[in-house]
Amino acid sequence: MNKTELIEEVARRTGMTVAAARRTVDVLFSTAPREGIIAGAVANGDRVQITGFGTFERRRRKKRTGRNPQTGQEISIPGGNYPAFTAGKSLKDRVGS
């Protein structure tokens, strides 16, 4: 399912117009600054926990040493933040069945 199909399904199931469903999906999932609720919260270091579905959060990756695959030379890979999603029990149970 892509974003357009998600918007159409939200509109169909809720009785919303497609335009209203698009605004709803955008306000939840947009990655643009000051638009998406989930991305904004995770970027600020907050966890977004949707019981049964899962948790969105920001995690920290430590600085580490790697190798350049072309030369074999050791390189330093800087640490940084990255987004993470952990599926909730209900989602795991539904997908696993």
PDB file of N, CA and C in Angstrom:
ATOM      1  N   MET A   1       0.856  -1.177   0.000  1.00  0.00           N
ATOM      2  CA  MET A   1       0.000   0.000   0.000  1.00  0.00           C
ATOM      3  C   MET A   1       0.899   1.236   0.000  1.00  0.00           C
ATOM      4  N   ASN A   2       0.652   2.140  -0.923  1.00  0.00           N
ATOM      5  CA  ASN A   2       1.404   3.397  -0.947  1.00  0.00           C
ATOM      6  C   ASN A   2       0.576   4.506  -0.294  1.00  0.00           C
ATOM      7  N   LYS A   3       1.112   5.712  -0.259  1.00  0.00           N
ATOM      8  CA  LYS A   3       0.452   6.815   0.432  1.00  0.00           C
ATOM      9  C   LYS A   3      -0.908   7.135  -0.172  1.00  0.00           C
ATOM     10  N   THR A   4      -0.998   7.131  -1.496  1.00  0.00           N
ATOM     11  CA  THR A   4      -2.276   7.427  -2.153  1.00  0.00           C
ATOM     12  C   THR A   4      -3.331   6.393  -1.780  1.00  0.00           C
ATOM     13  N   GLU A   5      -2.941   5.143  -1.776  1.00  0.00           N
ATOM     14  CA  GLU A   5      -3.880   4.077  -1.405  1.00  0.00           C
ATOM     15  C   GLU A   5      -4.282   4.188   0.065  1.00  0.00           C
ATOM     16  N   LEU A   6      -3.341   4.565   0.922  1.00  0.00           N
ATOM     17  CA  LEU A   6      -3.643   4.766   2.337  1.00  0.00           C
ATOM     18  C   LEU A   6      -4.667   5.887   2.504  1.00  0.00           C
ATOM     19  N   ILE A   7      -4.476   6.984   1.805  1.00  0.00           N
ATOM     20  CA  ILE A   7      -5.399   8.118   1.880  1.00  0.00           C
ATOM     21  C   ILE A   7      -6.790   7.696   1.418  1.00  0.00           C
ATOM     22  N   GLU A   8      -6.863   6.980   0.315  1.00  0.00           N
ATOM     23  CA  GLU A   8      -8.151   6.517  -0.197  1.00  0.00           C
ATOM     24  C   GLU A   8      -8.836   5.573   0.783  1.00  0.00           C
ATOM     25  N   GLU A   9      -8.078   4.712   1.432  1.00  0.00           N
ATOM     26  CA  GLU A   9      -8.643   3.770   2.407  1.00  0.00           C
ATOM     27  C   GLU A   9      -9.132   4.492   3.654  1.00  0.00           C
ATOM     28  N   VAL A  10      -8.380   5.484   4.113  1.00  0.00           N
ATOM     29  CA  VAL A  10      -8.827   6.285   5.255  1.00  0.00           C
ATOM     30  C   VAL A  10     -10.135   6.994   4.908  1.00  0.00           C
ATOM     31  N   ALA A  11     -10.212   7.566   3.727  1.00  0.00           N
ATOM     32  CA  ALA A  11     -11.436   8.252   3.292  1.00  0.00           C
ATOM     33  C   ALA A  11     -12.609   7.281   3.224  1.00  0.00           C
ATOM     34  N   ARG A  12     -12.380   6.107   2.669  1.00  0.00           N
ATOM     35  CA  ARG A  12     -13.453   5.115   2.518  1.00  0.00           C
ATOM     36  C   ARG A  12     -13.958   4.633   3.880  1.00  0.00           C
ATOM     37  N   ARG A  13     -13.040   4.331   4.787  1.00  0.00           N
ATOM     38  CA  ARG A  13     -13.441   3.773   6.080  1.00  0.00           C
ATOM     39  C   ARG A  13     -14.049   4.793   7.030  1.00  0.00           C
ATOM     40  N   THR A  14     -13.672   6.060   6.901  1.00  0.00           N
ATOM     41  CA  THR A  14     -14.160   7.081   7.835  1.00  0.00           C
ATOM     42  C   THR A  14     -15.294   7.924   7.269  1.00  0.00           C
ATOM     43  N   GLY A  15     -15.491   7.875   5.954  1.00  0.00           N
ATOM     44  CA  GLY A  15     -16.494   8.735   5.338  1.00  0.00           C
ATOM     45  C   GLY A  15     -15.986  10.145   5.099  1.00  0.00           C
ATOM     46  N   MET A  16     -14.705  10.376   5.327  1.00  0.00           N
ATOM     47  CA  MET A  16     -14.100  11.687   5.075  1.00  0.00           C
ATOM     48  C   MET A  16     -13.960  11.885   3.571  1.00  0.00           C
ATOM     49  N   THR A  17     -13.811  13.132   3.172  1.00  0.00           N
ATOM     50  CA  THR A  17     -13.458  13.382   1.780  1.00  0.00           C
ATOM     51  C   THR A  17     -12.003  12.968   1.590  1.00  0.00           C
ATOM     52  N   VAL A  18     -11.609  12.744   0.357  1.00  0.00           N
ATOM     53  CA  VAL A  18     -10.219  12.391   0.069  1.00  0.00           C
ATOM     54  C   VAL A  18      -9.297  13.532   0.499  1.00  0.00           C
ATOM     55  N   ALA A  19      -9.724  14.773   0.307  1.00  0.00           N
ATOM     56  CA  ALA A  19      -8.909  15.931   0.704  1.00  0.00           C
ATOM     57  C   ALA A  19      -8.706  15.958   2.218  1.00  0.00           C
ATOM     58  N   ALA A  20      -9.754  15.671   2.985  1.00  0.00           N
ATOM     59  CA  ALA A  20      -9.643  15.655   4.444  1.00  0.00           C
ATOM     60  C   ALA A  20      -8.760  14.492   4.899  1.00  0.00           C
ATOM     61  N   ALA A  21      -8.908  13.361   4.257  1.00  0.00           N
ATOM     62  CA  ALA A  21      -8.074  12.201   4.591  1.00  0.00           C
ATOM     63  C   ALA A  21      -6.609  12.485   4.278  1.00  0.00           C
ATOM     64  N   ARG A  22      -6.342  13.175   3.165  1.00  0.00           N
ATOM     65  CA  ARG A  22      -4.965  13.537   2.805  1.00  0.00           C
ATOM     66  C   ARG A  22      -4.355  14.441   3.870  1.00  0.00           C
ATOM     67  N   ARG A  23      -5.123  15.434   4.335  1.00  0.00           N
ATOM     68  CA  ARG A  23      -4.619  16.332   5.381  1.00  0.00           C
ATOM     69  C   ARG A  23      -4.335  15.551   6.668  1.00  0.00           C
ATOM     70  N   THR A  24      -5.202  14.604   7.000  1.00  0.00           N
ATOM     71  CA  THR A  24      -5.023  13.788   8.197  1.00  0.00           C
ATOM     72  C   THR A  24      -3.755  12.944   8.108  1.00  0.00           C
ATOM     73  N   VAL A  25      -3.564  12.263   6.986  1.00  0.00           N
ATOM     74  CA  VAL A  25      -2.369  11.434   6.799  1.00  0.00           C
ATOM     75  C   VAL A  25      -1.121  12.312   6.812  1.00  0.00           C
ATOM     76  N   ASP A  26      -1.183  13.452   6.147  1.00  0.00           N
ATOM     77  CA  ASP A  26      -0.030  14.362   6.117  1.00  0.00           C
ATOM     78  C   ASP A  26       0.337  14.876   7.504  1.00  0.00           C
ATOM     79  N   VAL A  27      -0.645  15.234   8.304  1.00  0.00           N
ATOM     80  CA  VAL A  27      -0.352  15.780   9.630  1.00  0.00           C
ATOM     81  C   VAL A  27       0.257  14.705  10.531  1.00  0.00           C
ATOM     82  N   LEU A  28      -0.043  13.456  10.288  1.00  0.00           N
ATOM     83  CA  LEU A  28       0.562  12.373  11.069  1.00  0.00           C
ATOM     84  C   LEU A  28       1.950  12.002  10.580  1.00  0.00           C
ATOM     85  N   PHE A  29       2.117  11.841   9.263  1.00  0.00           N
ATOM     86  CA  PHE A  29       3.313  11.207   8.719  1.00  0.00           C
ATOM     87  C   PHE A  29       4.279  12.113   7.969  1.00  0.00           C
ATOM     88  N   SER A  30       3.974  13.362   7.769  1.00  0.00           N
ATOM     89  CA  SER A  30       4.876  14.243   7.028  1.00  0.00           C
ATOM     90  C   SER A  30       6.220  14.358   7.734  1.00  0.00           C
ATOM     91  N   THR A  31       7.288  14.460   6.950  1.00  0.00           N
ATOM     92  CA  THR A  31       8.620  14.659   7.527  1.00  0.00           C
ATOM     93  C   THR A  31       9.072  16.111   7.412  1.00  0.00           C
ATOM     94  N   ALA A  32       8.227  16.959   6.839  1.00  0.00           N
ATOM     95  CA  ALA A  32       8.562  18.379   6.710  1.00  0.00           C
ATOM     96  C   ALA A  32       8.554  19.037   8.092  1.00  0.00           C
ATOM     97  N   PRO A  33       9.452  19.978   8.318  1.00  0.00           N
ATOM     98  CA  PRO A  33       9.498  20.668   9.619  1.00  0.00           C
ATOM     99  C   PRO A  33       8.145  21.285   9.983  1.00  0.00           C
ATOM    100  N   ARG A  34       7.765  21.148  11.228  1.00  0.00           N
ATOM    101  CA  ARG A  34       6.532  21.697  11.798  1.00  0.00           C
ATOM    102  C   ARG A  34       5.262  21.159  11.158  1.00  0.00           C
ATOM    103  N   GLU A  35       5.314  20.008  10.474  1.00  0.00           N
ATOM    104  CA  GLU A  35       4.093  19.459   9.888  1.00  0.00           C
ATOM    105  C   GLU A  35       3.715  18.114  10.489  1.00  0.00           C
ATOM    106  N   GLY A  36       4.594  17.141  10.397  1.00  0.00           N
ATOM    107  CA  GLY A  36       4.259  15.793  10.830  1.00  0.00           C
ATOM    108  C   GLY A  36       4.384  15.610  12.336  1.00  0.00           C
ATOM    109  N   ILE A  37       3.339  15.107  12.950  1.00  0.00           N
ATOM    110  CA  ILE A  37       3.311  14.918  14.390  1.00  0.00           C
ATOM    111  C   ILE A  37       4.348  13.879  14.828  1.00  0.00           C
ATOM    112  N   ILE A  38       4.355  12.721  14.158  1.00  0.00           N
ATOM    113  CA  ILE A  38       5.255  11.641  14.565  1.00  0.00           C
ATOM    114  C   ILE A  38       6.714  12.037  14.340  1.00  0.00           C
ATOM    115  N   ALA A  39       7.050  12.506  13.152  1.00  0.00           N
ATOM    116  CA  ALA A  39       8.436  12.876  12.852  1.00  0.00           C
ATOM    117  C   ALA A  39       8.910  14.012  13.752  1.00  0.00           C
ATOM    118  N   GLY A  40       8.059  14.965  14.030  1.00  0.00           N
ATOM    119  CA  GLY A  40       8.428  16.079  14.897  1.00  0.00           C
ATOM    120  C   GLY A  40       8.732  15.627  16.314  1.00  0.00           C
ATOM    121  N   ALA A  41       7.904  14.740  16.835  1.00  0.00           N
ATOM    122  CA  ALA A  41       8.113  14.240  18.189  1.00  0.00           C
ATOM    123  C   ALA A  41       9.409  13.439  18.275  1.00  0.00           C
ATOM    124  N   VAL A  42       9.644  12.557  17.298  1.00  0.00           N
ATOM    125  CA  VAL A  42      10.857  11.735  17.299  1.00  0.00           C
ATOM    126  C   VAL A  42      12.096  12.618  17.143  1.00  0.00           C
ATOM    127  N   ALA A  43      12.029  13.622  16.295  1.00  0.00           N
ATOM    128  CA  ALA A  43      13.157  14.537  16.100  1.00  0.00           C
ATOM    129  C   ALA A  43      13.492  15.291  17.386  1.00  0.00           C
ATOM    130  N   ASN A  44      12.482  15.547  18.211  1.00  0.00           N
ATOM    131  CA  ASN A  44      12.699  16.238  19.489  1.00  0.00           C
ATOM    132  C   ASN A  44      13.140  15.287  20.598  1.00  0.00           C
ATOM    133  N   GLY A  45      13.259  13.999  20.285  1.00  0.00           N
ATOM    134  CA  GLY A  45      13.694  13.033  21.276  1.00  0.00           C
ATOM    135  C   GLY A  45      12.567  12.372  22.041  1.00  0.00           C
ATOM    136  N   ASP A  46      11.332  12.641  21.665  1.00  0.00           N
ATOM    137  CA  ASP A  46      10.187  12.030  22.334  1.00  0.00           C
ATOM    138  C   ASP A  46       9.856  10.678  21.702  1.00  0.00           C
ATOM    139  N   ARG A  47       9.240   9.813  22.482  1.00  0.00           N
ATOM    140  CA  ARG A  47       8.743   8.535  21.964  1.00  0.00           C
ATOM    141  C   ARG A  47       7.271   8.702  21.619  1.00  0.00           C
ATOM    142  N   VAL A  48       6.853   8.095  20.523  1.00  0.00           N
ATOM    143  CA  VAL A  48       5.443   8.066  20.154  1.00  0.00           C
ATOM    144  C   VAL A  48       5.016   6.611  20.266  1.00  0.00           C
ATOM    145  N   GLN A  49       4.223   6.323  21.304  1.00  0.00           N
ATOM    146  CA  GLN A  49       3.810   4.946  21.567  1.00  0.00           C
ATOM    147  C   GLN A  49       2.329   4.809  21.266  1.00  0.00           C
ATOM    148  N   ILE A  50       2.025   3.939  20.314  1.00  0.00           N
ATOM    149  CA  ILE A  50       0.644   3.639  19.956  1.00  0.00           C
ATOM    150  C   ILE A  50       0.391   2.216  20.438  1.00  0.00           C
ATOM    151  N   THR A  51      -0.301   2.090  21.557  1.00  0.00           N
ATOM    152  CA  THR A  51      -0.484   0.806  22.216  1.00  0.00           C
ATOM    153  C   THR A  51      -1.006  -0.250  21.250  1.00  0.00           C
ATOM    154  N   GLY A  52      -0.318  -1.372  21.234  1.00  0.00           N
ATOM    155  CA  GLY A  52      -0.691  -2.489  20.372  1.00  0.00           C
ATOM    156  C   GLY A  52      -0.081  -2.408  18.985  1.00  0.00           C
ATOM    157  N   PHE A  53       0.157  -1.199  18.492  1.00  0.00           N
ATOM    158  CA  PHE A  53       0.724  -1.023  17.148  1.00  0.00           C
ATOM    159  C   PHE A  53       2.237  -0.957  17.192  1.00  0.00           C
ATOM    160  N   GLY A  54       2.771  -0.039  17.999  1.00  0.00           N
ATOM    161  CA  GLY A  54       4.219   0.054  18.096  1.00  0.00           C
ATOM    162  C   GLY A  54       4.690   1.387  18.627  1.00  0.00           C
ATOM    163  N   THR A  55       6.021   1.515  18.665  1.00  0.00           N
ATOM    164  CA  THR A  55       6.651   2.712  19.215  1.00  0.00           C
ATOM    165  C   THR A  55       7.663   3.276  18.231  1.00  0.00           C
ATOM    166  N   PHE A  56       7.568   4.573  17.998  1.00  0.00           N
ATOM    167  CA  PHE A  56       8.540   5.311  17.189  1.00  0.00           C
ATOM    168  C   PHE A  56       9.437   6.052  18.170  1.00  0.00           C
ATOM    169  N   GLU A  57      10.753   5.989  17.951  1.00  0.00           N
ATOM    170  CA  GLU A  57      11.666   6.694  18.842  1.00  0.00           C
ATOM    171  C   GLU A  57      12.967   7.023  18.131  1.00  0.00           C
ATOM    172  N   ARG A  58      13.740   7.889  18.768  1.00  0.00           N
ATOM    173  CA  ARG A  58      15.061   8.245  18.258  1.00  0.00           C
ATOM    174  C   ARG A  58      16.093   7.461  19.054  1.00  0.00           C
ATOM    175  N   ARG A  59      17.020   6.845  18.327  1.00  0.00           N
ATOM    176  CA  ARG A  59      18.096   6.101  18.980  1.00  0.00           C
ATOM    177  C   ARG A  59      19.427   6.698  18.574  1.00  0.00           C
ATOM    178  N   ARG A  60      20.436   6.423  19.398  1.00  0.00           N
ATOM    179  CA  ARG A  60      21.780   6.959  19.170  1.00  0.00           C
ATOM    180  C   ARG A  60      22.699   5.827  18.728  1.00  0.00           C
ATOM    181  N   ARG A  61      23.405   6.041  17.646  1.00  0.00           N
ATOM    182  CA  ARG A  61      24.406   5.089  17.163  1.00  0.00           C
ATOM    183  C   ARG A  61      25.772   5.621  17.581  1.00  0.00           C
ATOM    184  N   LYS A  62      26.588   4.767  18.203  1.00  0.00           N
ATOM    185  CA  LYS A  62      27.909   5.177  18.676  1.00  0.00           C
ATOM    186  C   LYS A  62      28.891   5.313  17.512  1.00  0.00           C
ATOM    187  N   LYS A  63      29.928   6.112  17.761  1.00  0.00           N
ATOM    188  CA  LYS A  63      31.031   6.233  16.801  1.00  0.00           C
ATOM    189  C   LYS A  63      31.689   4.856  16.701  1.00  0.00           C
ATOM    190  N   ARG A  64      32.090   4.480  15.488  1.00  0.00           N
ATOM    191  CA  ARG A  64      32.708   3.173  15.315  1.00  0.00           C
ATOM    192  C   ARG A  64      33.761   3.208  14.217  1.00  0.00           C
ATOM    193  N   THR A  65      34.550   2.149  14.151  1.00  0.00           N
ATOM    194  CA  THR A  65      35.588   2.023  13.139  1.00  0.00           C
ATOM    195  C   THR A  65      35.107   1.057  12.072  1.00  0.00           C
ATOM    196  N   GLY A  66      35.306   1.433  10.824  1.00  0.00           N
ATOM    197  CA  GLY A  66      34.941   0.573   9.696  1.00  0.00           C
ATOM    198  C   GLY A  66      36.100   0.470   8.727  1.00  0.00           C
ATOM    199  N   ARG A  67      35.833  -0.143   7.607  1.00  0.00           N
ATOM    200  CA  ARG A  67      36.865  -0.287   6.575  1.00  0.00           C
ATOM    201  C   ARG A  67      36.329   0.201   5.245  1.00  0.00           C
ATOM    202  N   ASN A  68      37.208   0.890   4.501  1.00  0.00           N
ATOM    203  CA  ASN A  68      36.885   1.288   3.141  1.00  0.00           C
ATOM    204  C   ASN A  68      36.938   0.006   2.303  1.00  0.00           C
ATOM    205  N   PRO A  69      35.826  -0.391   1.664  1.00  0.00           N
ATOM    206  CA  PRO A  69      35.823  -1.655   0.932  1.00  0.00           C
ATOM    207  C   PRO A  69      36.753  -1.668  -0.290  1.00  0.00           C
ATOM    208  N   GLN A  70      37.094  -0.509  -0.814  1.00  0.00           N
ATOM    209  CA  GLN A  70      37.971  -0.457  -1.989  1.00  0.00           C
ATOM    210  C   GLN A  70      39.445  -0.572  -1.617  1.00  0.00           C
ATOM    211  N   THR A  71      39.815   0.053  -0.484  1.00  0.00           N
ATOM    212  CA  THR A  71      41.237   0.078  -0.118  1.00  0.00           C
ATOM    213  C   THR A  71      41.561  -0.789   1.093  1.00  0.00           C
ATOM    214  N   GLY A  72      40.551  -1.143   1.869  1.00  0.00           N
ATOM    215  CA  GLY A  72      40.785  -1.902   3.088  1.00  0.00           C
ATOM    216  C   GLY A  72      41.271  -1.043   4.240  1.00  0.00           C
ATOM    217  N   GLN A  73      41.437   0.254   4.014  1.00  0.00           N
ATOM    218  CA  GLN A  73      41.919   1.177   5.028  1.00  0.00           C
ATOM    219  C   GLN A  73      40.854   1.391   6.105  1.00  0.00           C
ATOM    220  N   GLU A  74      41.279   1.439   7.377  1.00  0.00           N
ATOM    221  CA  GLU A  74      40.352   1.714   8.468  1.00  0.00           C
ATOM    222  C   GLU A  74      39.885   3.162   8.381  1.00  0.00           C
ATOM    223  N   ILE A  75      38.603   3.357   8.645  1.00  0.00           N
ATOM    224  CA  ILE A  75      38.030   4.702   8.665  1.00  0.00           C
ATOM    225  C   ILE A  75      37.197   4.857   9.932  1.00  0.00           C
ATOM    226  N   SER A  76      37.020   6.084  10.355  1.00  0.00           N
ATOM    227  CA  SER A  76      36.198   6.388  11.523  1.00  0.00           C
ATOM    228  C   SER A  76      34.807   6.769  11.030  1.00  0.00           C
ATOM    229  N   ILE A  77      33.796   6.090  11.545  1.00  0.00           N
ATOM    230  CA  ILE A  77      32.411   6.380  11.181  1.00  0.00           C
ATOM    231  C   ILE A  77      31.789   7.120  12.356  1.00  0.00           C
ATOM    232  N   PRO A  78      31.344   8.363  12.144  1.00  0.00           N
ATOM    233  CA  PRO A  78      30.812   9.145  13.262  1.00  0.00           C
ATOM    234  C   PRO A  78      29.492   8.571  13.769  1.00  0.00           C
ATOM    235  N   GLY A  79      29.216   8.797  15.046  1.00  0.00           N
ATOM    236  CA  GLY A  79      27.933   8.406  15.620  1.00  0.00           C
ATOM    237  C   GLY A  79      26.848   9.370  15.184  1.00  0.00           C
ATOM    238  N   GLY A  80      25.642   9.053  15.521  1.00  0.00           N
ATOM    239  CA  GLY A  80      24.535   9.940  15.175  1.00  0.00           C
ATOM    240  C   GLY A  80      23.209   9.363  15.614  1.00  0.00           C
ATOM    241  N   ASN A  81      22.173  10.139  15.438  1.00  0.00           N
ATOM    242  CA  ASN A  81      20.820   9.717  15.778  1.00  0.00           C
ATOM    243  C   ASN A  81      20.159   9.091  14.564  1.00  0.00           C
ATOM    244  N   TYR A  82      19.238   8.160  14.826  1.00  0.00           N
ATOM    245  CA  TYR A  82      18.472   7.572  13.740  1.00  0.00           C
ATOM    246  C   TYR A  82      17.077   7.213  14.258  1.00  0.00           C
ATOM    247  N   PRO A  83      16.075   7.223  13.390  1.00  0.00           N
ATOM    248  CA  PRO A  83      14.728   6.858  13.816  1.00  0.00           C
ATOM    249  C   PRO A  83      14.596   5.342  13.898  1.00  0.00           C
ATOM    250  N   ALA A  84      13.785   4.886  14.849  1.00  0.00           N
ATOM    251  CA  ALA A  84      13.569   3.448  15.006  1.00  0.00           C
ATOM    252  C   ALA A  84      12.093   3.187  15.286  1.00  0.00           C
ATOM    253  N   PHE A  85      11.619   2.044  14.842  1.00  0.00           N
ATOM    254  CA  PHE A  85      10.249   1.605  15.103  1.00  0.00           C
ATOM    255  C   PHE A  85      10.305   0.208  15.679  1.00  0.00           C
ATOM    256  N   THR A  86       9.583  -0.003  16.766  1.00  0.00           N
ATOM    257  CA  THR A  86       9.457  -1.321  17.367  1.00  0.00           C
ATOM    258  C   THR A  86       7.986  -1.696  17.334  1.00  0.00           C
ATOM    259  N   ALA A  87       7.674  -2.811  16.698  1.00  0.00           N
ATOM    260  CA  ALA A  87       6.286  -3.255  16.592  1.00  0.00           C
ATOM    261  C   ALA A  87       5.749  -3.671  17.955  1.00  0.00           C
ATOM    262  N   GLY A  88       4.473  -3.366  18.196  1.00  0.00           N
ATOM    263  CA  GLY A  88       3.807  -3.761  19.429  1.00  0.00           C
ATOM    264  C   GLY A  88       3.323  -5.204  19.356  1.00  0.00           C
ATOM    265  N   LYS A  89       2.902  -5.736  20.485  1.00  0.00           N
ATOM    266  CA  LYS A  89       2.503  -7.135  20.573  1.00  0.00           C
ATOM    267  C   LYS A  89       1.340  -7.463  19.644  1.00  0.00           C
ATOM    268  N   SER A  90       0.320  -6.631  19.603  1.00  0.00           N
ATOM    269  CA  SER A  90      -0.849  -6.919  18.757  1.00  0.00           C
ATOM    270  C   SER A  90      -0.463  -6.967  17.281  1.00  0.00           C
ATOM    271  N   LEU A  91       0.395  -6.056  16.849  1.00  0.00           N
ATOM    272  CA  LEU A  91       0.845  -6.053  15.462  1.00  0.00           C
ATOM    273  C   LEU A  91       1.677  -7.289  15.172  1.00  0.00           C
ATOM    274  N   LYS A  92       2.579  -7.631  16.084  1.00  0.00           N
ATOM    275  CA  LYS A  92       3.394  -8.840  15.895  1.00  0.00           C
ATOM    276  C   LYS A  92       2.514 -10.081  15.802  1.00  0.00           C
ATOM    277  N   ASP A  93       1.521 -10.170  16.683  1.00  0.00           N
ATOM    278  CA  ASP A  93       0.622 -11.321  16.666  1.00  0.00           C
ATOM    279  C   ASP A  93      -0.174 -11.400  15.368  1.00  0.00           C
ATOM    280  N   ARG A  94      -0.647 -10.272  14.869  1.00  0.00           N
ATOM    281  CA  ARG A  94      -1.442 -10.278  13.637  1.00  0.00           C
ATOM    282  C   ARG A  94      -0.595 -10.646  12.423  1.00  0.00           C
ATOM    283  N   VAL A  95       0.600 -10.111  12.329  1.00  0.00           N
ATOM    284  CA  VAL A  95       1.471 -10.379  11.205  1.00  0.00           C
ATOM    285  C   VAL A  95       2.002 -11.815  11.264  1.00  0.00           C
ATOM    286  N   GLY A  96       2.279 -12.280  12.475  1.00  0.00           N
ATOM    287  CA  GLY A  96       2.838 -13.617  12.648  1.00  0.00           C
ATOM    288  C   GLY A  96       1.847 -14.739  12.406  1.00  0.00           C
ATOM    289  N   SER A  97       0.563 -14.447  12.410  1.00  0.00           N
ATOM    290  CA  SER A  97      -0.456 -15.505  12.231  1.00  0.00           C
ATOM    291  C   SER A  97      -0.675 -15.859  10.789  1.00  0.00           C
TER     292      SER A  97
END
